[in-house]
Structures are given as C-alpha cells and as structure tokens.
Amino acid sequence: MNAENSPQPELNPIDVAACAYLIWEREGKPHGRDVEHWMQAETLLRAMHTAEDKAAKESTRTASTSMRAPMARKRKAMRAVQQERQGATEA
C-alpha cells in the first residue's frame, strides 16, 4: 500500500485546534487564516502520527530480531544437553 492509498489516521479535533493555535501564534496572530492554519495542523499531526507508527514498527522489528540470537543460543544449548544426556544413557 503506498502513501496515497494508506488510511489517514484519526485526529483528535482538540489536538488539531491546539496545534492550529500554536501555528497562528507563531505566525504573528494574523486574521482570516484560520482554515489554512487548521489544514497545516492536520498535515503536521498526520506526519507526526505516521513517523511514530513507523518508529514503533521499526522498534518491534528490531526487538524481534534482537531476540533471535539469544533464542538460537538457547536452542543450541538445549540440543547439546539432550545429546549429552542421550550419550550418558547409552553408555
């Protein structure tokens, strides 16, 4: 799925309003640009949500990858113990 077809995250109107207010203040409190500020706030918040989602997915991927090595070592150790036990029982 590409960025054009991906679903837009739901935005909390209170968060959008707060962000739009900060943009309005930063731009010197101009009159008549409320819709523009609202749209900028929505765009900014969506970008932030997308970045957070991407970071969370990457963090999950990294965590699962980092767990593979210890699990592989544990399996290897368990096989060695089983083989040792089998050798002891056969003798």
PDB file of N, CA and C in Angstrom:
ATOM      1  N   MET A   1       0.851  -1.175   0.000  1.00  0.00           N
ATOM      2  CA  MET A   1       0.000   0.000   0.000  1.00  0.00           C
ATOM      3  C   MET A   1       0.893   1.234   0.000  1.00  0.00           C
ATOM      4  N   ASN A   2       0.673   2.150  -0.890  1.00  0.00           N
ATOM      5  CA  ASN A   2       1.510   3.347  -0.922  1.00  0.00           C
ATOM      6  C   ASN A   2       0.890   4.454  -0.092  1.00  0.00           C
ATOM      7  N   ALA A   3       1.623   5.536   0.041  1.00  0.00           N
ATOM      8  CA  ALA A   3       1.195   6.642   0.915  1.00  0.00           C
ATOM      9  C   ALA A   3      -0.127   7.252   0.457  1.00  0.00           C
ATOM     10  N   GLU A   4      -0.382   7.240  -0.859  1.00  0.00           N
ATOM     11  CA  GLU A   4      -1.618   7.841  -1.365  1.00  0.00           C
ATOM     12  C   GLU A   4      -2.836   7.029  -0.971  1.00  0.00           C
ATOM     13  N   ASN A   5      -2.682   5.710  -0.886  1.00  0.00           N
ATOM     14  CA  ASN A   5      -3.808   4.838  -0.574  1.00  0.00           C
ATOM     15  C   ASN A   5      -3.900   4.448   0.885  1.00  0.00           C
ATOM     16  N   SER A   6      -2.898   4.793   1.680  1.00  0.00           N
ATOM     17  CA  SER A   6      -2.926   4.400   3.081  1.00  0.00           C
ATOM     18  C   SER A   6      -3.987   5.200   3.826  1.00  0.00           C
ATOM     19  N   PRO A   7      -4.642   4.556   4.800  1.00  0.00           N
ATOM     20  CA  PRO A   7      -5.685   5.265   5.541  1.00  0.00           C
ATOM     21  C   PRO A   7      -5.092   6.397   6.374  1.00  0.00           C
ATOM     22  N   GLN A   8      -5.826   7.480   6.431  1.00  0.00           N
ATOM     23  CA  GLN A   8      -5.392   8.631   7.210  1.00  0.00           C
ATOM     24  C   GLN A   8      -5.694   8.356   8.686  1.00  0.00           C
ATOM     25  N   PRO A   9      -4.745   8.645   9.568  1.00  0.00           N
ATOM     26  CA  PRO A   9      -5.024   8.425  10.991  1.00  0.00           C
ATOM     27  C   PRO A   9      -6.099   9.387  11.480  1.00  0.00           C
ATOM     28  N   GLU A  10      -6.918   8.900  12.404  1.00  0.00           N
ATOM     29  CA  GLU A  10      -7.938   9.749  13.005  1.00  0.00           C
ATOM     30  C   GLU A  10      -7.253  10.790  13.878  1.00  0.00           C
ATOM     31  N   LEU A  11      -7.675  12.017  13.730  1.00  0.00           N
ATOM     32  CA  LEU A  11      -7.091  13.097  14.514  1.00  0.00           C
ATOM     33  C   LEU A  11      -8.109  13.594  15.528  1.00  0.00           C
ATOM     34  N   ASN A  12      -7.631  13.881  16.704  1.00  0.00           N
ATOM     35  CA  ASN A  12      -8.463  14.451  17.746  1.00  0.00           C
ATOM     36  C   ASN A  12      -8.626  15.949  17.442  1.00  0.00           C
ATOM     37  N   PRO A  13      -9.867  16.425  17.289  1.00  0.00           N
ATOM     38  CA  PRO A  13     -10.082  17.837  16.961  1.00  0.00           C
ATOM     39  C   PRO A  13      -9.473  18.798  17.978  1.00  0.00           C
ATOM     40  N   ILE A  14      -9.389  18.371  19.229  1.00  0.00           N
ATOM     41  CA  ILE A  14      -8.791  19.227  20.259  1.00  0.00           C
ATOM     42  C   ILE A  14      -7.299  19.389  19.988  1.00  0.00           C
ATOM     43  N   ASP A  15      -6.640  18.282  19.577  1.00  0.00           N
ATOM     44  CA  ASP A  15      -5.217  18.355  19.240  1.00  0.00           C
ATOM     45  C   ASP A  15      -4.987  19.232  18.019  1.00  0.00           C
ATOM     46  N   VAL A  16      -5.875  19.101  17.033  1.00  0.00           N
ATOM     47  CA  VAL A  16      -5.746  19.911  15.821  1.00  0.00           C
ATOM     48  C   VAL A  16      -5.923  21.387  16.162  1.00  0.00           C
ATOM     49  N   ALA A  17      -6.914  21.678  16.990  1.00  0.00           N
ATOM     50  CA  ALA A  17      -7.169  23.072  17.379  1.00  0.00           C
ATOM     51  C   ALA A  17      -5.975  23.652  18.129  1.00  0.00           C
ATOM     52  N   ALA A  18      -5.408  22.877  19.040  1.00  0.00           N
ATOM     53  CA  ALA A  18      -4.252  23.359  19.808  1.00  0.00           C
ATOM     54  C   ALA A  18      -3.061  23.612  18.886  1.00  0.00           C
ATOM     55  N   CYS A  19      -2.841  22.704  17.952  1.00  0.00           N
ATOM     56  CA  CYS A  19      -1.735  22.861  17.008  1.00  0.00           C
ATOM     57  C   CYS A  19      -1.971  24.069  16.099  1.00  0.00           C
ATOM     58  N   ALA A  20      -3.197  24.210  15.611  1.00  0.00           N
ATOM     59  CA  ALA A  20      -3.530  25.354  14.754  1.00  0.00           C
ATOM     60  C   ALA A  20      -3.330  26.665  15.515  1.00  0.00           C
ATOM     61  N   TYR A  21      -3.683  26.677  16.783  1.00  0.00           N
ATOM     62  CA  TYR A  21      -3.496  27.864  17.612  1.00  0.00           C
ATOM     63  C   TYR A  21      -2.013  28.216  17.719  1.00  0.00           C
ATOM     64  N   LEU A  22      -1.182  27.195  17.943  1.00  0.00           N
ATOM     65  CA  LEU A  22       0.263  27.444  18.039  1.00  0.00           C
ATOM     66  C   LEU A  22       0.824  27.970  16.718  1.00  0.00           C
ATOM     67  N   ILE A  23       0.331  27.437  15.610  1.00  0.00           N
ATOM     68  CA  ILE A  23       0.767  27.939  14.293  1.00  0.00           C
ATOM     69  C   ILE A  23       0.339  29.389  14.131  1.00  0.00           C
ATOM     70  N   TRP A  24      -0.906  29.684  14.509  1.00  0.00           N
ATOM     71  CA  TRP A  24      -1.438  31.053  14.414  1.00  0.00           C
ATOM     72  C   TRP A  24      -0.585  32.009  15.253  1.00  0.00           C
ATOM     73  N   GLU A  25      -0.242  31.593  16.467  1.00  0.00           N
ATOM     74  CA  GLU A  25       0.603  32.437  17.313  1.00  0.00           C
ATOM     75  C   GLU A  25       1.987  32.635  16.701  1.00  0.00           C
ATOM     76  N   ARG A  26       2.589  31.543  16.210  1.00  0.00           N
ATOM     77  CA  ARG A  26       3.933  31.592  15.646  1.00  0.00           C
ATOM     78  C   ARG A  26       3.986  32.536  14.430  1.00  0.00           C
ATOM     79  N   GLU A  27       2.877  32.608  13.692  1.00  0.00           N
ATOM     80  CA  GLU A  27       2.847  33.463  12.504  1.00  0.00           C
ATOM     81  C   GLU A  27       2.410  34.892  12.812  1.00  0.00           C
ATOM     82  N   GLY A  28       2.337  35.235  14.074  1.00  0.00           N
ATOM     83  CA  GLY A  28       2.022  36.610  14.454  1.00  0.00           C
ATOM     84  C   GLY A  28       0.546  36.908  14.599  1.00  0.00           C
ATOM     85  N   LYS A  29      -0.277  35.890  14.779  1.00  0.00           N
ATOM     86  CA  LYS A  29      -1.721  36.023  15.002  1.00  0.00           C
ATOM     87  C   LYS A  29      -2.448  36.766  13.872  1.00  0.00           C
ATOM     88  N   PRO A  30      -2.206  36.365  12.630  1.00  0.00           N
ATOM     89  CA  PRO A  30      -2.896  37.031  11.521  1.00  0.00           C
ATOM     90  C   PRO A  30      -4.381  36.656  11.481  1.00  0.00           C
ATOM     91  N   HIS A  31      -5.203  37.587  11.018  1.00  0.00           N
ATOM     92  CA  HIS A  31      -6.646  37.346  10.911  1.00  0.00           C
ATOM     93  C   HIS A  31      -6.975  36.718   9.566  1.00  0.00           C
ATOM     94  N   GLY A  32      -8.004  35.877   9.547  1.00  0.00           N
ATOM     95  CA  GLY A  32      -8.530  35.337   8.302  1.00  0.00           C
ATOM     96  C   GLY A  32      -7.776  34.138   7.745  1.00  0.00           C
ATOM     97  N   ARG A  33      -6.878  33.543   8.522  1.00  0.00           N
ATOM     98  CA  ARG A  33      -6.131  32.391   8.011  1.00  0.00           C
ATOM     99  C   ARG A  33      -6.391  31.145   8.848  1.00  0.00           C
ATOM    100  N   ASP A  34      -7.551  31.116   9.510  1.00  0.00           N
ATOM    101  CA  ASP A  34      -7.865  30.008  10.401  1.00  0.00           C
ATOM    102  C   ASP A  34      -7.957  28.668   9.673  1.00  0.00           C
ATOM    103  N   VAL A  35      -8.554  28.646   8.499  1.00  0.00           N
ATOM    104  CA  VAL A  35      -8.675  27.395   7.749  1.00  0.00           C
ATOM    105  C   VAL A  35      -7.290  26.909   7.316  1.00  0.00           C
ATOM    106  N   GLU A  36      -6.470  27.824   6.859  1.00  0.00           N
ATOM    107  CA  GLU A  36      -5.107  27.467   6.458  1.00  0.00           C
ATOM    108  C   GLU A  36      -4.328  26.891   7.642  1.00  0.00           C
ATOM    109  N   HIS A  37      -4.457  27.517   8.802  1.00  0.00           N
ATOM    110  CA  HIS A  37      -3.763  27.033   9.994  1.00  0.00           C
ATOM    111  C   HIS A  37      -4.300  25.659  10.417  1.00  0.00           C
ATOM    112  N   TRP A  38      -5.599  25.466  10.295  1.00  0.00           N
ATOM    113  CA  TRP A  38      -6.203  24.185  10.638  1.00  0.00           C
ATOM    114  C   TRP A  38      -5.649  23.086   9.721  1.00  0.00           C
ATOM    115  N   MET A  39      -5.584  23.378   8.431  1.00  0.00           N
ATOM    116  CA  MET A  39      -5.072  22.399   7.467  1.00  0.00           C
ATOM    117  C   MET A  39      -3.594  22.101   7.728  1.00  0.00           C
ATOM    118  N   GLN A  40      -2.821  23.127   8.052  1.00  0.00           N
ATOM    119  CA  GLN A  40      -1.413  22.922   8.376  1.00  0.00           C
ATOM    120  C   GLN A  40      -1.279  22.031   9.618  1.00  0.00           C
ATOM    121  N   ALA A  41      -2.124  22.273  10.597  1.00  0.00           N
ATOM    122  CA  ALA A  41      -2.092  21.486  11.825  1.00  0.00           C
ATOM    123  C   ALA A  41      -2.429  20.022  11.538  1.00  0.00           C
ATOM    124  N   GLU A  42      -3.457  19.788  10.714  1.00  0.00           N
ATOM    125  CA  GLU A  42      -3.808  18.418  10.356  1.00  0.00           C
ATOM    126  C   GLU A  42      -2.647  17.723   9.643  1.00  0.00           C
ATOM    127  N   THR A  43      -2.034  18.414   8.709  1.00  0.00           N
ATOM    128  CA  THR A  43      -0.911  17.846   7.967  1.00  0.00           C
ATOM    129  C   THR A  43       0.240  17.516   8.912  1.00  0.00           C
ATOM    130  N   LEU A  44       0.556  18.430   9.793  1.00  0.00           N
ATOM    131  CA  LEU A  44       1.644  18.234  10.745  1.00  0.00           C
ATOM    132  C   LEU A  44       1.366  17.053  11.676  1.00  0.00           C
ATOM    133  N   LEU A  45       0.162  16.989  12.217  1.00  0.00           N
ATOM    134  CA  LEU A  45      -0.181  15.906  13.141  1.00  0.00           C
ATOM    135  C   LEU A  45      -0.205  14.552  12.438  1.00  0.00           C
ATOM    136  N   ARG A  46      -0.700  14.515  11.207  1.00  0.00           N
ATOM    137  CA  ARG A  46      -0.690  13.253  10.457  1.00  0.00           C
ATOM    138  C   ARG A  46       0.744  12.791  10.203  1.00  0.00           C
ATOM    139  N   ALA A  47       1.608  13.734   9.859  1.00  0.00           N
ATOM    140  CA  ALA A  47       3.016  13.385   9.634  1.00  0.00           C
ATOM    141  C   ALA A  47       3.648  12.860  10.922  1.00  0.00           C
ATOM    142  N   MET A  48       3.305  13.471  12.027  1.00  0.00           N
ATOM    143  CA  MET A  48       3.839  13.019  13.320  1.00  0.00           C
ATOM    144  C   MET A  48       3.341  11.611  13.643  1.00  0.00           C
ATOM    145  N   HIS A  49       2.046  11.349  13.412  1.00  0.00           N
ATOM    146  CA  HIS A  49       1.494  10.023  13.672  1.00  0.00           C
ATOM    147  C   HIS A  49       2.154   8.976  12.777  1.00  0.00           C
ATOM    148  N   THR A  50       2.355   9.320  11.516  1.00  0.00           N
ATOM    149  CA  THR A  50       2.991   8.401  10.578  1.00  0.00           C
ATOM    150  C   THR A  50       4.409   8.087  11.028  1.00  0.00           C
ATOM    151  N   ALA A  51       5.150   9.116  11.448  1.00  0.00           N
ATOM    152  CA  ALA A  51       6.519   8.913  11.921  1.00  0.00           C
ATOM    153  C   ALA A  51       6.538   8.055  13.182  1.00  0.00           C
ATOM    154  N   GLU A  52       5.588   8.284  14.084  1.00  0.00           N
ATOM    155  CA  GLU A  52       5.510   7.488  15.315  1.00  0.00           C
ATOM    156  C   GLU A  52       5.188   6.035  14.993  1.00  0.00           C
ATOM    157  N   ASP A  53       4.244   5.819  14.064  1.00  0.00           N
ATOM    158  CA  ASP A  53       3.886   4.454  13.678  1.00  0.00           C
ATOM    159  C   ASP A  53       5.079   3.743  13.050  1.00  0.00           C
ATOM    160  N   LYS A  54       5.787   4.455  12.189  1.00  0.00           N
ATOM    161  CA  LYS A  54       6.959   3.865  11.534  1.00  0.00           C
ATOM    162  C   LYS A  54       8.029   3.518  12.567  1.00  0.00           C
ATOM    163  N   ALA A  55       8.246   4.412  13.522  1.00  0.00           N
ATOM    164  CA  ALA A  55       9.240   4.163  14.569  1.00  0.00           C
ATOM    165  C   ALA A  55       8.827   2.975  15.431  1.00  0.00           C
ATOM    166  N   ALA A  56       7.540   2.871  15.741  1.00  0.00           N
ATOM    167  CA  ALA A  56       7.061   1.755  16.548  1.00  0.00           C
ATOM    168  C   ALA A  56       7.239   0.432  15.806  1.00  0.00           C
ATOM    169  N   LYS A  57       6.933   0.423  14.510  1.00  0.00           N
ATOM    170  CA  LYS A  57       7.111  -0.792  13.722  1.00  0.00           C
ATOM    171  C   LYS A  57       8.580  -1.169  13.649  1.00  0.00           C
ATOM    172  N   GLU A  58       9.435  -0.184  13.455  1.00  0.00           N
ATOM    173  CA  GLU A  58      10.873  -0.452  13.380  1.00  0.00           C
ATOM    174  C   GLU A  58      11.380  -0.960  14.721  1.00  0.00           C
ATOM    175  N   SER A  59      10.889  -0.399  15.795  1.00  0.00           N
ATOM    176  CA  SER A  59      11.284  -0.835  17.135  1.00  0.00           C
ATOM    177  C   SER A  59      10.859  -2.278  17.370  1.00  0.00           C
ATOM    178  N   THR A  60       9.655  -2.636  16.952  1.00  0.00           N
ATOM    179  CA  THR A  60       9.167  -4.002  17.090  1.00  0.00           C
ATOM    180  C   THR A  60      10.013  -4.953  16.262  1.00  0.00           C
ATOM    181  N   ARG A  61      10.316  -4.547  15.037  1.00  0.00           N
ATOM    182  CA  ARG A  61      11.140  -5.377  14.157  1.00  0.00           C
ATOM    183  C   ARG A  61      12.527  -5.574  14.758  1.00  0.00           C
ATOM    184  N   THR A  62      13.113  -4.520  15.280  1.00  0.00           N
ATOM    185  CA  THR A  62      14.440  -4.600  15.886  1.00  0.00           C
ATOM    186  C   THR A  62      14.404  -5.486  17.125  1.00  0.00           C
ATOM    187  N   ALA A  63      13.354  -5.352  17.927  1.00  0.00           N
ATOM    188  CA  ALA A  63      13.236  -6.164  19.141  1.00  0.00           C
ATOM    189  C   ALA A  63      13.110  -7.634  18.788  1.00  0.00           C
ATOM    190  N   SER A  64      12.303  -7.963  17.773  1.00  0.00           N
ATOM    191  CA  SER A  64      12.142  -9.370  17.418  1.00  0.00           C
ATOM    192  C   SER A  64      13.428  -9.923  16.828  1.00  0.00           C
ATOM    193  N   THR A  65      14.165  -9.111  16.085  1.00  0.00           N
ATOM    194  CA  THR A  65      15.439  -9.538  15.526  1.00  0.00           C
ATOM    195  C   THR A  65      16.459  -9.754  16.636  1.00  0.00           C
ATOM    196  N   SER A  66      16.466  -8.868  17.619  1.00  0.00           N
ATOM    197  CA  SER A  66      17.439  -8.983  18.696  1.00  0.00           C
ATOM    198  C   SER A  66      17.145 -10.182  19.597  1.00  0.00           C
ATOM    199  N   MET A  67      15.916 -10.694  19.575  1.00  0.00           N
ATOM    200  CA  MET A  67      15.563 -11.859  20.374  1.00  0.00           C
ATOM    201  C   MET A  67      15.970 -13.154  19.677  1.00  0.00           C
ATOM    202  N   ARG A  68      16.185 -13.115  18.371  1.00  0.00           N
ATOM    203  CA  ARG A  68      16.507 -14.340  17.640  1.00  0.00           C
ATOM    204  C   ARG A  68      17.830 -14.944  18.076  1.00  0.00           C
ATOM    205  N   ALA A  69      18.859 -14.133  18.251  1.00  0.00           N
ATOM    206  CA  ALA A  69      20.180 -14.654  18.622  1.00  0.00           C
ATOM    207  C   ALA A  69      20.146 -15.359  19.978  1.00  0.00           C
ATOM    208  N   PRO A  70      19.594 -14.755  21.033  1.00  0.00           N
ATOM    209  CA  PRO A  70      19.542 -15.472  22.320  1.00  0.00           C
ATOM    210  C   PRO A  70      18.717 -16.749  22.237  1.00  0.00           C
ATOM    211  N   MET A  71      17.618 -16.723  21.482  1.00  0.00           N
ATOM    212  CA  MET A  71      16.789 -17.918  21.349  1.00  0.00           C
ATOM    213  C   MET A  71      17.546 -19.012  20.615  1.00  0.00           C
ATOM    214  N   ALA A  72      18.302 -18.655  19.594  1.00  0.00           N
ATOM    215  CA  ALA A  72      19.089 -19.635  18.852  1.00  0.00           C
ATOM    216  C   ALA A  72      20.154 -20.242  19.756  1.00  0.00           C
ATOM    217  N   ARG A  73      20.797 -19.423  20.570  1.00  0.00           N
ATOM    218  CA  ARG A  73      21.802 -19.947  21.510  1.00  0.00           C
ATOM    219  C   ARG A  73      21.161 -20.885  22.529  1.00  0.00           C
ATOM    220  N   LYS A  74      19.971 -20.516  22.982  1.00  0.00           N
ATOM    221  CA  LYS A  74      19.277 -21.348  23.959  1.00  0.00           C
ATOM    222  C   LYS A  74      18.917 -22.698  23.341  1.00  0.00           C
ATOM    223  N   ARG A  75      18.396 -22.691  22.102  1.00  0.00           N
ATOM    224  CA  ARG A  75      18.063 -23.941  21.432  1.00  0.00           C
ATOM    225  C   ARG A  75      19.310 -24.809  21.242  1.00  0.00           C
ATOM    226  N   LYS A  76      20.411 -24.178  20.858  1.00  0.00           N
ATOM    227  CA  LYS A  76      21.666 -24.902  20.648  1.00  0.00           C
ATOM    228  C   LYS A  76      22.132 -25.541  21.964  1.00  0.00           C
ATOM    229  N   ALA A  77      22.034 -24.799  23.049  1.00  0.00           N
ATOM    230  CA  ALA A  77      22.433 -25.316  24.358  1.00  0.00           C
ATOM    231  C   ALA A  77      21.528 -26.469  24.774  1.00  0.00           C
ATOM    232  N   MET A  78      20.228 -26.333  24.519  1.00  0.00           N
ATOM    233  CA  MET A  78      19.290 -27.398  24.870  1.00  0.00           C
ATOM    234  C   MET A  78      19.587 -28.667  24.081  1.00  0.00           C
ATOM    235  N   ARG A  79      19.909 -28.531  22.797  1.00  0.00           N
ATOM    236  CA  ARG A  79      20.263 -29.703  21.984  1.00  0.00           C
ATOM    237  C   ARG A  79      21.524 -30.366  22.523  1.00  0.00           C
ATOM    238  N   ALA A  80      22.499 -29.552  22.911  1.00  0.00           N
ATOM    239  CA  ALA A  80      23.745 -30.102  23.455  1.00  0.00           C
ATOM    240  C   ALA A  80      23.472 -30.875  24.744  1.00  0.00           C
ATOM    241  N   VAL A  81      22.607 -30.351  25.594  1.00  0.00           N
ATOM    242  CA  VAL A  81      22.271 -31.030  26.843  1.00  0.00           C
ATOM    243  C   VAL A  81      21.552 -32.343  26.534  1.00  0.00           C
ATOM    244  N   GLN A  82      20.608 -32.306  25.585  1.00  0.00           N
ATOM    245  CA  GLN A  82      19.884 -33.522  25.224  1.00  0.00           C
ATOM    246  C   GLN A  82      20.836 -34.579  24.665  1.00  0.00           C
ATOM    247  N   GLN A  83      21.754 -34.159  23.809  1.00  0.00           N
ATOM    248  CA  GLN A  83      22.716 -35.112  23.236  1.00  0.00           C
ATOM    249  C   GLN A  83      23.620 -35.691  24.321  1.00  0.00           C
ATOM    250  N   GLU A  84      24.007 -34.851  25.259  1.00  0.00           N
ATOM    251  CA  GLU A  84      24.858 -35.312  26.363  1.00  0.00           C
ATOM    252  C   GLU A  84      24.114 -36.336  27.210  1.00  0.00           C
ATOM    253  N   ARG A  85      22.829 -36.068  27.481  1.00  0.00           N
ATOM    254  CA  ARG A  85      22.024 -36.996  28.264  1.00  0.00           C
ATOM    255  C   ARG A  85      21.850 -38.323  27.517  1.00  0.00           C
ATOM    256  N   GLN A  86      21.606 -38.235  26.207  1.00  0.00           N
ATOM    257  CA  GLN A  86      21.450 -39.455  25.427  1.00  0.00           C
ATOM    258  C   GLN A  86      22.736 -40.273  25.437  1.00  0.00           C
ATOM    259  N   GLY A  87      23.861 -39.584  25.328  1.00  0.00           N
ATOM    260  CA  GLY A  87      25.153 -40.273  25.363  1.00  0.00           C
ATOM    261  C   GLY A  87      25.396 -40.937  26.705  1.00  0.00           C
ATOM    262  N   ALA A  88      24.945 -40.308  27.787  1.00  0.00           N
ATOM    263  CA  ALA A  88      25.149 -40.854  29.125  1.00  0.00           C
ATOM    264  C   ALA A  88      24.248 -42.071  29.342  1.00  0.00           C
ATOM    265  N   THR A  89      23.048 -42.050  28.778  1.00  0.00           N
ATOM    266  CA  THR A  89      22.119 -43.166  28.945  1.00  0.00           C
ATOM    267  C   THR A  89      22.540 -44.363  28.098  1.00  0.00           C
ATOM    268  N   GLU A  90      23.125 -44.106  26.949  1.00  0.00           N
ATOM    269  CA  GLU A  90      23.550 -45.193  26.078  1.00  0.00           C
ATOM    270  C   GLU A  90      24.792 -45.903  26.607  1.00  0.00           C
ATOM    271  N   ALA A  91      25.574 -45.246  27.416  1.00  0.00           N
ATOM    272  CA  ALA A  91      26.820 -45.832  27.895  1.00  0.00           C
ATOM    273  C   ALA A  91      26.649 -46.769  29.035  1.00  0.00           C
TER     274      ALA A  91
END
